[in-house]
């Protein structure tokens, strides 16, 4: 098993948006997905290339 553990020392609000540092899944959520999932996918897809969460 291989594990990387990192301590987050920033604000919780930025931690909660950590997913924006990852590229969106290549396929959008399937039809019938909940509106929260669809909105989150759209947000990540739109902001991924411009967000600055490296700190």
PDB file of N, CA and C in Angstrom:
ATOM      1  N   UNK A   1       0.835  -1.169   0.000  1.00  0.00           N
ATOM      2  CA  UNK A   1       0.000   0.000   0.000  1.00  0.00           C
ATOM      3  C   UNK A   1       0.887   1.242   0.000  1.00  0.00           C
ATOM      4  N   UNK A   2       0.435   2.259  -0.677  1.00  0.00           N
ATOM      5  CA  UNK A   2       1.170   3.515  -0.773  1.00  0.00           C
ATOM      6  C   UNK A   2       0.237   4.638  -0.357  1.00  0.00           C
ATOM      7  N   UNK A   3       0.695   5.505   0.516  1.00  0.00           N
ATOM      8  CA  UNK A   3      -0.178   6.568   1.027  1.00  0.00           C
ATOM      9  C   UNK A   3       0.609   7.867   1.163  1.00  0.00           C
ATOM     10  N   UNK A   4      -0.018   8.962   0.766  1.00  0.00           N
ATOM     11  CA  UNK A   4       0.542  10.292   0.991  1.00  0.00           C
ATOM     12  C   UNK A   4      -0.390  11.025   1.929  1.00  0.00           C
ATOM     13  N   UNK A   5       0.115  11.509   3.022  1.00  0.00           N
ATOM     14  CA  UNK A   5      -0.697  12.277   3.963  1.00  0.00           C
ATOM     15  C   UNK A   5      -0.149  13.691   4.045  1.00  0.00           C
ATOM     16  N   UNK A   6      -1.024  14.652   3.937  1.00  0.00           N
ATOM     17  CA  UNK A   6      -0.611  16.047   4.003  1.00  0.00           C
ATOM     18  C   UNK A   6      -1.522  16.782   4.963  1.00  0.00           C
ATOM     19  N   UNK A   7      -0.948  17.628   5.777  1.00  0.00           N
ATOM     20  CA  UNK A   7      -1.702  18.431   6.723  1.00  0.00           C
ATOM     21  C   UNK A   7      -2.179  19.703   6.035  1.00  0.00           C
ATOM     22  N   UNK A   8      -3.469  19.981   6.114  1.00  0.00           N
ATOM     23  CA  UNK A   8      -4.022  21.214   5.544  1.00  0.00           C
ATOM     24  C   UNK A   8      -3.953  22.283   6.624  1.00  0.00           C
ATOM     25  N   UNK A   9      -3.301  23.395   6.322  1.00  0.00           N
ATOM     26  CA  UNK A   9      -3.176  24.467   7.306  1.00  0.00           C
ATOM     27  C   UNK A   9      -3.929  25.724   6.896  1.00  0.00           C
ATOM     28  N   UNK A  10      -4.625  25.684   5.785  1.00  0.00           N
ATOM     29  CA  UNK A  10      -5.374  26.842   5.310  1.00  0.00           C
ATOM     30  C   UNK A  10      -6.791  26.872   5.847  1.00  0.00           C
ATOM     31  N   UNK A  11      -7.548  27.865   5.415  1.00  0.00           N
ATOM     32  CA  UNK A  11      -8.936  27.978   5.855  1.00  0.00           C
ATOM     33  C   UNK A  11      -9.797  26.815   5.342  1.00  0.00           C
ATOM     34  N   UNK A  12     -10.805  26.437   6.121  1.00  0.00           N
ATOM     35  CA  UNK A  12     -11.680  25.330   5.747  1.00  0.00           C
ATOM     36  C   UNK A  12     -12.410  25.609   4.434  1.00  0.00           C
ATOM     37  N   UNK A  13     -12.786  26.844   4.186  1.00  0.00           N
ATOM     38  CA  UNK A  13     -13.500  27.191   2.953  1.00  0.00           C
ATOM     39  C   UNK A  13     -12.655  26.827   1.732  1.00  0.00           C
ATOM     40  N   UNK A  14     -11.363  27.097   1.780  1.00  0.00           N
ATOM     41  CA  UNK A  14     -10.496  26.740   0.652  1.00  0.00           C
ATOM     42  C   UNK A  14     -10.314  25.230   0.552  1.00  0.00           C
ATOM     43  N   UNK A  15     -10.273  24.553   1.687  1.00  0.00           N
ATOM     44  CA  UNK A  15     -10.182  23.096   1.674  1.00  0.00           C
ATOM     45  C   UNK A  15     -11.416  22.496   1.011  1.00  0.00           C
ATOM     46  N   UNK A  16     -12.580  23.046   1.331  1.00  0.00           N
ATOM     47  CA  UNK A  16     -13.818  22.538   0.754  1.00  0.00           C
ATOM     48  C   UNK A  16     -13.840  22.695  -0.764  1.00  0.00           C
ATOM     49  N   UNK A  17     -13.085  23.633  -1.299  1.00  0.00           N
ATOM     50  CA  UNK A  17     -13.000  23.845  -2.752  1.00  0.00           C
ATOM     51  C   UNK A  17     -11.799  23.150  -3.369  1.00  0.00           C
ATOM     52  N   UNK A  18     -11.158  22.277  -2.620  1.00  0.00           N
ATOM     53  CA  UNK A  18      -9.954  21.592  -3.106  1.00  0.00           C
ATOM     54  C   UNK A  18     -10.214  20.815  -4.382  1.00  0.00           C
ATOM     55  N   UNK A  19     -11.426  20.352  -4.585  1.00  0.00           N
ATOM     56  CA  UNK A  19     -11.738  19.596  -5.798  1.00  0.00           C
ATOM     57  C   UNK A  19     -11.526  20.435  -7.047  1.00  0.00           C
ATOM     58  N   UNK A  20     -11.575  21.757  -6.909  1.00  0.00           N
ATOM     59  CA  UNK A  20     -11.354  22.614  -8.074  1.00  0.00           C
ATOM     60  C   UNK A  20      -9.918  22.526  -8.581  1.00  0.00           C
ATOM     61  N   UNK A  21      -9.009  21.956  -7.776  1.00  0.00           N
ATOM     62  CA  UNK A  21      -7.619  21.791  -8.224  1.00  0.00           C
ATOM     63  C   UNK A  21      -7.453  20.563  -9.096  1.00  0.00           C
ATOM     64  N   UNK A  22      -8.476  19.772  -9.214  1.00  0.00           N
ATOM     65  CA  UNK A  22      -8.394  18.533 -10.001  1.00  0.00           C
ATOM     66  C   UNK A  22      -9.186  18.700 -11.292  1.00  0.00           C
ATOM     67  N   UNK A  23      -8.715  18.109 -12.360  1.00  0.00           N
ATOM     68  CA  UNK A  23      -9.467  18.229 -13.620  1.00  0.00           C
ATOM     69  C   UNK A  23     -10.824  17.552 -13.512  1.00  0.00           C
ATOM     70  N   UNK A  24     -11.817  18.081 -14.206  1.00  0.00           N
ATOM     71  CA  UNK A  24     -13.128  17.428 -14.166  1.00  0.00           C
ATOM     72  C   UNK A  24     -13.081  16.074 -14.857  1.00  0.00           C
ATOM     73  N   UNK A  25     -13.978  15.217 -14.492  1.00  0.00           N
ATOM     74  CA  UNK A  25     -14.086  13.907 -15.131  1.00  0.00           C
ATOM     75  C   UNK A  25     -14.333  14.133 -16.622  1.00  0.00           C
ATOM     76  N   UNK A  26     -13.774  13.306 -17.491  1.00  0.00           N
ATOM     77  CA  UNK A  26     -13.945  13.526 -18.935  1.00  0.00           C
ATOM     78  C   UNK A  26     -15.400  13.417 -19.403  1.00  0.00           C
ATOM     79  N   UNK A  27     -16.224  12.701 -18.669  1.00  0.00           N
ATOM     80  CA  UNK A  27     -17.639  12.557 -19.034  1.00  0.00           C
ATOM     81  C   UNK A  27     -18.499  13.296 -18.015  1.00  0.00           C
ATOM     82  N   UNK A  28     -19.493  14.040 -18.450  1.00  0.00           N
ATOM     83  CA  UNK A  28     -20.395  14.689 -17.494  1.00  0.00           C
ATOM     84  C   UNK A  28     -21.236  13.649 -16.750  1.00  0.00           C
ATOM     85  N   UNK A  29     -21.892  14.059 -15.656  1.00  0.00           N
ATOM     86  CA  UNK A  29     -22.738  13.111 -14.925  1.00  0.00           C
ATOM     87  C   UNK A  29     -23.819  12.529 -15.840  1.00  0.00           C
ATOM     88  N   UNK A  30     -24.207  11.297 -15.603  1.00  0.00           N
ATOM     89  CA  UNK A  30     -25.226  10.669 -16.446  1.00  0.00           C
ATOM     90  C   UNK A  30     -26.587  11.354 -16.314  1.00  0.00           C
ATOM     91  N   UNK A  31     -27.411  11.185 -17.313  1.00  0.00           N
ATOM     92  CA  UNK A  31     -28.772  11.728 -17.277  1.00  0.00           C
ATOM     93  C   UNK A  31     -29.485  11.201 -16.039  1.00  0.00           C
ATOM     94  N   UNK A  32     -30.253  12.041 -15.419  1.00  0.00           N
ATOM     95  CA  UNK A  32     -30.961  11.639 -14.223  1.00  0.00           C
ATOM     96  C   UNK A  32     -30.187  11.891 -12.943  1.00  0.00           C
ATOM     97  N   UNK A  33     -28.960  12.409 -13.057  1.00  0.00           N
ATOM     98  CA  UNK A  33     -28.186  12.738 -11.857  1.00  0.00           C
ATOM     99  C   UNK A  33     -28.845  13.895 -11.129  1.00  0.00           C
ATOM    100  N   UNK A  34     -28.580  13.992  -9.857  1.00  0.00           N
ATOM    101  CA  UNK A  34     -29.151  15.063  -9.055  1.00  0.00           C
ATOM    102  C   UNK A  34     -28.641  16.423  -9.495  1.00  0.00           C
ATOM    103  N   UNK A  35     -29.429  17.466  -9.269  1.00  0.00           N
ATOM    104  CA  UNK A  35     -29.025  18.809  -9.690  1.00  0.00           C
ATOM    105  C   UNK A  35     -27.753  19.284  -9.005  1.00  0.00           C
ATOM    106  N   UNK A  36     -27.503  18.839  -7.761  1.00  0.00           N
ATOM    107  CA  UNK A  36     -26.285  19.251  -7.064  1.00  0.00           C
ATOM    108  C   UNK A  36     -25.047  18.703  -7.774  1.00  0.00           C
ATOM    109  N   UNK A  37     -25.101  17.452  -8.201  1.00  0.00           N
ATOM    110  CA  UNK A  37     -23.977  16.837  -8.902  1.00  0.00           C
ATOM    111  C   UNK A  37     -23.735  17.518 -10.247  1.00  0.00           C
ATOM    112  N   UNK A  38     -24.792  17.792 -10.967  1.00  0.00           N
ATOM    113  CA  UNK A  38     -24.659  18.452 -12.271  1.00  0.00           C
ATOM    114  C   UNK A  38     -24.079  19.851 -12.100  1.00  0.00           C
ATOM    115  N   UNK A  39     -24.569  20.602 -11.105  1.00  0.00           N
ATOM    116  CA  UNK A  39     -24.058  21.946 -10.864  1.00  0.00           C
ATOM    117  C   UNK A  39     -22.593  21.903 -10.459  1.00  0.00           C
ATOM    118  N   UNK A  40     -22.225  20.952  -9.609  1.00  0.00           N
ATOM    119  CA  UNK A  40     -20.827  20.831  -9.173  1.00  0.00           C
ATOM    120  C   UNK A  40     -19.923  20.499 -10.357  1.00  0.00           C
ATOM    121  N   UNK A  41     -20.367  19.612 -11.232  1.00  0.00           N
ATOM    122  CA  UNK A  41     -19.576  19.270 -12.413  1.00  0.00           C
ATOM    123  C   UNK A  41     -19.365  20.511 -13.282  1.00  0.00           C
ATOM    124  N   UNK A  42     -20.433  21.265 -13.511  1.00  0.00           N
ATOM    125  CA  UNK A  42     -20.320  22.470 -14.332  1.00  0.00           C
ATOM    126  C   UNK A  42     -19.362  23.479 -13.706  1.00  0.00           C
ATOM    127  N   UNK A  43     -19.448  23.620 -12.394  1.00  0.00           N
ATOM    128  CA  UNK A  43     -18.568  24.559 -11.691  1.00  0.00           C
ATOM    129  C   UNK A  43     -17.110  24.150 -11.848  1.00  0.00           C
ATOM    130  N   UNK A  44     -16.807  22.889 -11.618  1.00  0.00           N
ATOM    131  CA  UNK A  44     -15.431  22.401 -11.723  1.00  0.00           C
ATOM    132  C   UNK A  44     -14.930  22.522 -13.162  1.00  0.00           C
ATOM    133  N   UNK A  45     -15.766  22.155 -14.131  1.00  0.00           N
ATOM    134  CA  UNK A  45     -15.358  22.229 -15.533  1.00  0.00           C
ATOM    135  C   UNK A  45     -15.074  23.668 -15.953  1.00  0.00           C
ATOM    136  N   UNK A  46     -15.852  24.615 -15.447  1.00  0.00           N
ATOM    137  CA  UNK A  46     -15.671  26.016 -15.829  1.00  0.00           C
ATOM    138  C   UNK A  46     -14.480  26.656 -15.126  1.00  0.00           C
ATOM    139  N   UNK A  47     -14.228  26.290 -13.882  1.00  0.00           N
ATOM    140  CA  UNK A  47     -13.223  26.987 -13.086  1.00  0.00           C
ATOM    141  C   UNK A  47     -11.878  26.287 -12.997  1.00  0.00           C
ATOM    142  N   UNK A  48     -11.795  25.040 -13.381  1.00  0.00           N
ATOM    143  CA  UNK A  48     -10.552  24.282 -13.173  1.00  0.00           C
ATOM    144  C   UNK A  48      -9.331  24.979 -13.743  1.00  0.00           C
ATOM    145  N   UNK A  49      -9.409  25.442 -14.966  1.00  0.00           N
ATOM    146  CA  UNK A  49      -8.210  26.009 -15.599  1.00  0.00           C
ATOM    147  C   UNK A  49      -7.853  27.388 -15.077  1.00  0.00           C
ATOM    148  N   UNK A  50      -8.742  28.047 -14.338  1.00  0.00           N
ATOM    149  CA  UNK A  50      -8.467  29.403 -13.890  1.00  0.00           C
ATOM    150  C   UNK A  50      -8.324  29.533 -12.377  1.00  0.00           C
ATOM    151  N   UNK A  51      -8.657  28.519 -11.612  1.00  0.00           N
ATOM    152  CA  UNK A  51      -8.650  28.641 -10.155  1.00  0.00           C
ATOM    153  C   UNK A  51      -7.227  28.605  -9.600  1.00  0.00           C
ATOM    154  N   UNK A  52      -7.004  29.348  -8.525  1.00  0.00           N
ATOM    155  CA  UNK A  52      -5.684  29.385  -7.874  1.00  0.00           C
ATOM    156  C   UNK A  52      -5.828  28.868  -6.442  1.00  0.00           C
ATOM    157  N   UNK A  53      -5.774  27.568  -6.278  1.00  0.00           N
ATOM    158  CA  UNK A  53      -5.850  26.967  -4.945  1.00  0.00           C
ATOM    159  C   UNK A  53      -4.545  26.281  -4.568  1.00  0.00           C
ATOM    160  N   UNK A  54      -3.453  26.721  -5.137  1.00  0.00           N
ATOM    161  CA  UNK A  54      -2.183  26.062  -4.863  1.00  0.00           C
ATOM    162  C   UNK A  54      -1.629  26.437  -3.498  1.00  0.00           C
ATOM    163  N   UNK A  55      -2.242  27.385  -2.830  1.00  0.00           N
ATOM    164  CA  UNK A  55      -1.739  27.790  -1.518  1.00  0.00           C
ATOM    165  C   UNK A  55      -2.645  27.317  -0.436  1.00  0.00           C
TER     166      UNK A  55
END
